[in-house]
PDB file of all heavy atoms in Angstrom:
ATOM      1  N   GLN A   1      13.697  -6.883 -11.459  1.00  0.00           N
ATOM      2  CA  GLN A   1      13.048  -7.451 -10.285  1.00  0.00           C
ATOM      3  C   GLN A   1      12.710  -6.311  -9.329  1.00  0.00           C
ATOM      4  O   GLN A   1      13.540  -5.443  -9.088  1.00  0.00           O
ATOM      5  CB  GLN A   1      13.964  -8.466  -9.601  1.00  0.00           C
ATOM      6  CG  GLN A   1      14.229  -9.688 -10.469  1.00  0.00           C
ATOM      7  CD  GLN A   1      12.951 -10.418 -10.836  1.00  0.00           C
ATOM      8  OE1 GLN A   1      12.121 -10.683  -9.977  1.00  0.00           O
ATOM      9  NE2 GLN A   1      12.778 -10.716 -12.116  1.00  0.00           N
ATOM     10  N   PRO A   2      11.506  -6.311  -8.805  1.00  0.00           N
ATOM     11  CA  PRO A   2      11.135  -5.222  -7.904  1.00  0.00           C
ATOM     12  C   PRO A   2      11.951  -5.284  -6.608  1.00  0.00           C
ATOM     13  O   PRO A   2      12.286  -6.358  -6.118  1.00  0.00           O
ATOM     14  CB  PRO A   2       9.654  -5.470  -7.627  1.00  0.00           C
ATOM     15  CG  PRO A   2       9.412  -6.893  -7.976  1.00  0.00           C
ATOM     16  CD  PRO A   2      10.447  -7.275  -8.996  1.00  0.00           C
ATOM     17  N   ASP A   3      12.260  -4.135  -6.096  1.00  0.00           N
ATOM     18  CA  ASP A   3      12.940  -4.015  -4.814  1.00  0.00           C
ATOM     19  C   ASP A   3      11.953  -4.453  -3.737  1.00  0.00           C
ATOM     20  O   ASP A   3      10.856  -3.904  -3.645  1.00  0.00           O
ATOM     21  CB  ASP A   3      13.375  -2.554  -4.616  1.00  0.00           C
ATOM     22  CG  ASP A   3      13.961  -2.278  -3.251  1.00  0.00           C
ATOM     23  OD1 ASP A   3      14.401  -3.240  -2.588  1.00  0.00           O
ATOM     24  OD2 ASP A   3      14.000  -1.094  -2.858  1.00  0.00           O
ATOM     25  N   PRO A   4      12.319  -5.435  -2.918  1.00  0.00           N
ATOM     26  CA  PRO A   4      11.365  -5.921  -1.897  1.00  0.00           C
ATOM     27  C   PRO A   4      10.885  -4.830  -0.949  1.00  0.00           C
ATOM     28  O   PRO A   4       9.710  -4.809  -0.573  1.00  0.00           O
ATOM     29  CB  PRO A   4      12.163  -6.984  -1.135  1.00  0.00           C
ATOM     30  CG  PRO A   4      13.279  -7.368  -2.035  1.00  0.00           C
ATOM     31  CD  PRO A   4      13.559  -6.180  -2.901  1.00  0.00           C
ATOM     32  N   GLU A   5      11.768  -3.908  -0.560  1.00  0.00           N
ATOM     33  CA  GLU A   5      11.341  -2.822   0.334  1.00  0.00           C
ATOM     34  C   GLU A   5      10.360  -1.897  -0.364  1.00  0.00           C
ATOM     35  O   GLU A   5       9.372  -1.465   0.225  1.00  0.00           O
ATOM     36  CB  GLU A   5      12.558  -2.041   0.826  1.00  0.00           C
ATOM     37  CG  GLU A   5      13.388  -2.795   1.846  1.00  0.00           C
ATOM     38  CD  GLU A   5      14.563  -1.986   2.344  1.00  0.00           C
ATOM     39  OE1 GLU A   5      14.528  -0.731   2.247  1.00  0.00           O
ATOM     40  OE2 GLU A   5      15.521  -2.604   2.828  1.00  0.00           O
ATOM     41  N   GLU A   6      10.644  -1.597  -1.635  1.00  0.00           N
ATOM     42  CA  GLU A   6       9.742  -0.731  -2.395  1.00  0.00           C
ATOM     43  C   GLU A   6       8.392  -1.416  -2.604  1.00  0.00           C
ATOM     44  O   GLU A   6       7.343  -0.784  -2.493  1.00  0.00           O
ATOM     45  CB  GLU A   6      10.371  -0.385  -3.751  1.00  0.00           C
ATOM     46  CG  GLU A   6       9.597   0.643  -4.530  1.00  0.00           C
ATOM     47  CD  GLU A   6      10.288   1.029  -5.822  1.00  0.00           C
ATOM     48  OE1 GLU A   6      11.522   1.185  -5.821  1.00  0.00           O
ATOM     49  OE2 GLU A   6       9.577   1.177  -6.819  1.00  0.00           O
ATOM     50  N   ALA A   7       8.417  -2.713  -2.874  1.00  0.00           N
ATOM     51  CA  ALA A   7       7.171  -3.465  -3.044  1.00  0.00           C
ATOM     52  C   ALA A   7       6.368  -3.471  -1.741  1.00  0.00           C
ATOM     53  O   ALA A   7       5.142  -3.315  -1.764  1.00  0.00           O
ATOM     54  CB  ALA A   7       7.472  -4.889  -3.497  1.00  0.00           C
ATOM     55  N   ALA A   8       7.046  -3.619  -0.612  1.00  0.00           N
ATOM     56  CA  ALA A   8       6.360  -3.615   0.682  1.00  0.00           C
ATOM     57  C   ALA A   8       5.747  -2.249   0.962  1.00  0.00           C
ATOM     58  O   ALA A   8       4.619  -2.157   1.464  1.00  0.00           O
ATOM     59  CB  ALA A   8       7.330  -4.005   1.793  1.00  0.00           C
ATOM     60  N   ARG A   9       6.487  -1.172   0.629  1.00  0.00           N
ATOM     61  CA  ARG A   9       5.950   0.186   0.827  1.00  0.00           C
ATOM     62  C   ARG A   9       4.736   0.420  -0.063  1.00  0.00           C
ATOM     63  O   ARG A   9       3.736   1.008   0.365  1.00  0.00           O
ATOM     64  CB  ARG A   9       7.023   1.238   0.544  1.00  0.00           C
ATOM     65  CG  ARG A   9       8.013   1.423   1.669  1.00  0.00           C
ATOM     66  CD  ARG A   9       8.895   2.646   1.459  1.00  0.00           C
ATOM     67  NE  ARG A   9       9.658   2.640   0.225  1.00  0.00           N
ATOM     68  CZ  ARG A   9      10.846   2.062   0.069  1.00  0.00           C
ATOM     69  NH1 ARG A   9      11.429   1.458   1.067  1.00  0.00           N
ATOM     70  NH2 ARG A   9      11.457   2.106  -1.102  1.00  0.00           N
ATOM     71  N   ALA A  10       4.811  -0.058  -1.307  1.00  0.00           N
ATOM     72  CA  ALA A  10       3.683   0.110  -2.236  1.00  0.00           C
ATOM     73  C   ALA A  10       2.463  -0.667  -1.751  1.00  0.00           C
ATOM     74  O   ALA A  10       1.327  -0.169  -1.824  1.00  0.00           O
ATOM     75  CB  ALA A  10       4.081  -0.339  -3.634  1.00  0.00           C
ATOM     76  N   GLU A  11       2.684  -1.861  -1.231  1.00  0.00           N
ATOM     77  CA  GLU A  11       1.569  -2.662  -0.723  1.00  0.00           C
ATOM     78  C   GLU A  11       0.940  -1.995   0.505  1.00  0.00           C
ATOM     79  O   GLU A  11      -0.284  -1.934   0.632  1.00  0.00           O
ATOM     80  CB  GLU A  11       2.039  -4.065  -0.356  1.00  0.00           C
ATOM     81  CG  GLU A  11       0.910  -4.967   0.089  1.00  0.00           C
ATOM     82  CD  GLU A  11       1.357  -6.390   0.375  1.00  0.00           C
ATOM     83  OE1 GLU A  11       2.465  -6.776  -0.030  1.00  0.00           O
ATOM     84  OE2 GLU A  11       0.566  -7.105   1.015  1.00  0.00           O
ATOM     85  N   LEU A  12       1.781  -1.455   1.394  1.00  0.00           N
ATOM     86  CA  LEU A  12       1.275  -0.752   2.570  1.00  0.00           C
ATOM     87  C   LEU A  12       0.459   0.474   2.149  1.00  0.00           C
ATOM     88  O   LEU A  12      -0.633   0.706   2.666  1.00  0.00           O
ATOM     89  CB  LEU A  12       2.429  -0.338   3.488  1.00  0.00           C
ATOM     90  CG  LEU A  12       2.041   0.448   4.743  1.00  0.00           C
ATOM     91  CD1 LEU A  12       1.144  -0.381   5.649  1.00  0.00           C
ATOM     92  CD2 LEU A  12       3.285   0.904   5.479  1.00  0.00           C
ATOM     93  N   ALA A  13       0.980   1.227   1.189  1.00  0.00           N
ATOM     94  CA  ALA A  13       0.267   2.414   0.700  1.00  0.00           C
ATOM     95  C   ALA A  13      -1.084   2.028   0.097  1.00  0.00           C
ATOM     96  O   ALA A  13      -2.086   2.723   0.292  1.00  0.00           O
ATOM     97  CB  ALA A  13       1.107   3.165  -0.323  1.00  0.00           C
ATOM     98  N   MET A  14      -1.123   0.901  -0.615  1.00  0.00           N
ATOM     99  CA  MET A  14      -2.371   0.447  -1.219  1.00  0.00           C
ATOM    100  C   MET A  14      -3.373   0.056  -0.128  1.00  0.00           C
ATOM    101  O   MET A  14      -4.553   0.392  -0.197  1.00  0.00           O
ATOM    102  CB  MET A  14      -2.109  -0.744  -2.140  1.00  0.00           C
ATOM    103  CG  MET A  14      -3.332  -1.233  -2.881  1.00  0.00           C
ATOM    104  SD  MET A  14      -2.987  -2.618  -3.973  1.00  0.00           S
ATOM    105  CE  MET A  14      -2.680  -3.902  -2.770  1.00  0.00           C
ATOM    106  N   LYS A  15      -2.895  -0.619   0.916  1.00  0.00           N
ATOM    107  CA  LYS A  15      -3.786  -1.019   2.007  1.00  0.00           C
ATOM    108  C   LYS A  15      -4.298   0.210   2.770  1.00  0.00           C
ATOM    109  O   LYS A  15      -5.466   0.260   3.157  1.00  0.00           O
ATOM    110  CB  LYS A  15      -3.072  -1.980   2.952  1.00  0.00           C
ATOM    111  CG  LYS A  15      -2.871  -3.358   2.338  1.00  0.00           C
ATOM    112  CD  LYS A  15      -2.122  -4.284   3.272  1.00  0.00           C
ATOM    113  CE  LYS A  15      -1.933  -5.656   2.651  1.00  0.00           C
ATOM    114  NZ  LYS A  15      -1.178  -6.554   3.539  1.00  0.00           N
ATOM    115  N   ILE A  16      -3.435   1.189   2.983  1.00  0.00           N
ATOM    116  CA  ILE A  16      -3.853   2.421   3.654  1.00  0.00           C
ATOM    117  C   ILE A  16      -4.892   3.154   2.810  1.00  0.00           C
ATOM    118  O   ILE A  16      -5.890   3.653   3.327  1.00  0.00           O
ATOM    119  CB  ILE A  16      -2.636   3.320   3.965  1.00  0.00           C
ATOM    120  CG1 ILE A  16      -1.838   2.698   5.120  1.00  0.00           C
ATOM    121  CG2 ILE A  16      -3.057   4.744   4.303  1.00  0.00           C
ATOM    122  CD1 ILE A  16      -0.518   3.377   5.401  1.00  0.00           C
ATOM    123  N   SER A  17      -4.667   3.196   1.514  1.00  0.00           N
ATOM    124  CA  SER A  17      -5.633   3.831   0.608  1.00  0.00           C
ATOM    125  C   SER A  17      -6.989   3.120   0.674  1.00  0.00           C
ATOM    126  O   SER A  17      -8.040   3.768   0.661  1.00  0.00           O
ATOM    127  CB  SER A  17      -5.082   3.816  -0.814  1.00  0.00           C
ATOM    128  OG  SER A  17      -5.999   4.362  -1.714  1.00  0.00           O
ATOM    129  N   GLN A  18      -6.958   1.788   0.767  1.00  0.00           N
ATOM    130  CA  GLN A  18      -8.197   1.018   0.878  1.00  0.00           C
ATOM    131  C   GLN A  18      -8.921   1.372   2.177  1.00  0.00           C
ATOM    132  O   GLN A  18     -10.140   1.555   2.190  1.00  0.00           O
ATOM    133  CB  GLN A  18      -7.890  -0.487   0.829  1.00  0.00           C
ATOM    134  CG  GLN A  18      -9.114  -1.364   0.950  1.00  0.00           C
ATOM    135  CD  GLN A  18     -10.067  -1.238  -0.214  1.00  0.00           C
ATOM    136  OE1 GLN A  18      -9.667  -0.999  -1.340  1.00  0.00           O
ATOM    137  NE2 GLN A  18     -11.353  -1.368   0.056  1.00  0.00           N
ATOM    138  N   ILE A  19      -8.180   1.488   3.276  1.00  0.00           N
ATOM    139  CA  ILE A  19      -8.788   1.867   4.561  1.00  0.00           C
ATOM    140  C   ILE A  19      -9.394   3.263   4.454  1.00  0.00           C
ATOM    141  O   ILE A  19     -10.504   3.513   4.935  1.00  0.00           O
ATOM    142  CB  ILE A  19      -7.751   1.797   5.704  1.00  0.00           C
ATOM    143  CG1 ILE A  19      -7.372   0.337   5.977  1.00  0.00           C
ATOM    144  CG2 ILE A  19      -8.288   2.463   6.969  1.00  0.00           C
ATOM    145  CD1 ILE A  19      -6.173   0.165   6.893  1.00  0.00           C
ATOM    146  N   ASP A  20      -8.683   4.194   3.799  1.00  0.00           N
ATOM    147  CA  ASP A  20      -9.212   5.551   3.618  1.00  0.00           C
ATOM    148  C   ASP A  20     -10.523   5.529   2.827  1.00  0.00           C
ATOM    149  O   ASP A  20     -11.469   6.242   3.168  1.00  0.00           O
ATOM    150  CB  ASP A  20      -8.188   6.441   2.912  1.00  0.00           C
ATOM    151  CG  ASP A  20      -7.030   6.842   3.805  1.00  0.00           C
ATOM    152  OD1 ASP A  20      -7.160   6.750   5.048  1.00  0.00           O
ATOM    153  OD2 ASP A  20      -5.987   7.254   3.260  1.00  0.00           O
ATOM    154  N   MET A  21     -10.569   4.718   1.779  1.00  0.00           N
ATOM    155  CA  MET A  21     -11.798   4.625   0.973  1.00  0.00           C
ATOM    156  C   MET A  21     -12.942   4.023   1.791  1.00  0.00           C
ATOM    157  O   MET A  21     -14.083   4.498   1.721  1.00  0.00           O
ATOM    158  CB  MET A  21     -11.553   3.805  -0.296  1.00  0.00           C
ATOM    159  CG  MET A  21     -10.695   4.518  -1.311  1.00  0.00           C
ATOM    160  SD  MET A  21     -10.438   3.694  -2.912  1.00  0.00           S
ATOM    161  CE  MET A  21     -10.740   2.004  -2.647  1.00  0.00           C
ATOM    162  N   GLU A  22     -12.649   2.988   2.587  1.00  0.00           N
ATOM    163  CA  GLU A  22     -13.676   2.374   3.420  1.00  0.00           C
ATOM    164  C   GLU A  22     -14.176   3.366   4.478  1.00  0.00           C
ATOM    165  O   GLU A  22     -15.377   3.428   4.753  1.00  0.00           O
ATOM    166  CB  GLU A  22     -13.122   1.119   4.100  1.00  0.00           C
ATOM    167  CG  GLU A  22     -12.885  -0.034   3.141  1.00  0.00           C
ATOM    168  CD  GLU A  22     -12.080  -1.177   3.758  1.00  0.00           C
ATOM    169  OE1 GLU A  22     -11.695  -1.090   4.953  1.00  0.00           O
ATOM    170  OE2 GLU A  22     -11.838  -2.152   3.033  1.00  0.00           O
ATOM    171  N   THR A  23     -13.249   4.130   5.051  1.00  0.00           N
ATOM    172  CA  THR A  23     -13.620   5.121   6.066  1.00  0.00           C
ATOM    173  C   THR A  23     -14.513   6.194   5.451  1.00  0.00           C
ATOM    174  O   THR A  23     -15.550   6.553   6.012  1.00  0.00           O
ATOM    175  CB  THR A  23     -12.359   5.744   6.692  1.00  0.00           C
ATOM    176  OG1 THR A  23     -11.586   4.709   7.298  1.00  0.00           O
ATOM    177  CG2 THR A  23     -12.715   6.799   7.725  1.00  0.00           C
ATOM    178  N   SER A  24     -14.121   6.686   4.305  1.00  0.00           N
ATOM    179  CA  SER A  24     -14.912   7.710   3.617  1.00  0.00           C
ATOM    180  C   SER A  24     -16.299   7.177   3.270  1.00  0.00           C
ATOM    181  O   SER A  24     -17.308   7.866   3.447  1.00  0.00           O
ATOM    182  CB  SER A  24     -14.178   8.163   2.356  1.00  0.00           C
ATOM    183  OG  SER A  24     -14.911   9.151   1.687  1.00  0.00           O
TER     184      SER A  24
END
C-alpha cells in the first residue's frame, strides 16, 4: 500500500511539473 505522505508528495510534484510545463 502506498504511503499516504509519499503519495501526496508525488501528486504535488506532478502538479508542480504540470505548472512548469504550462509556464514554459
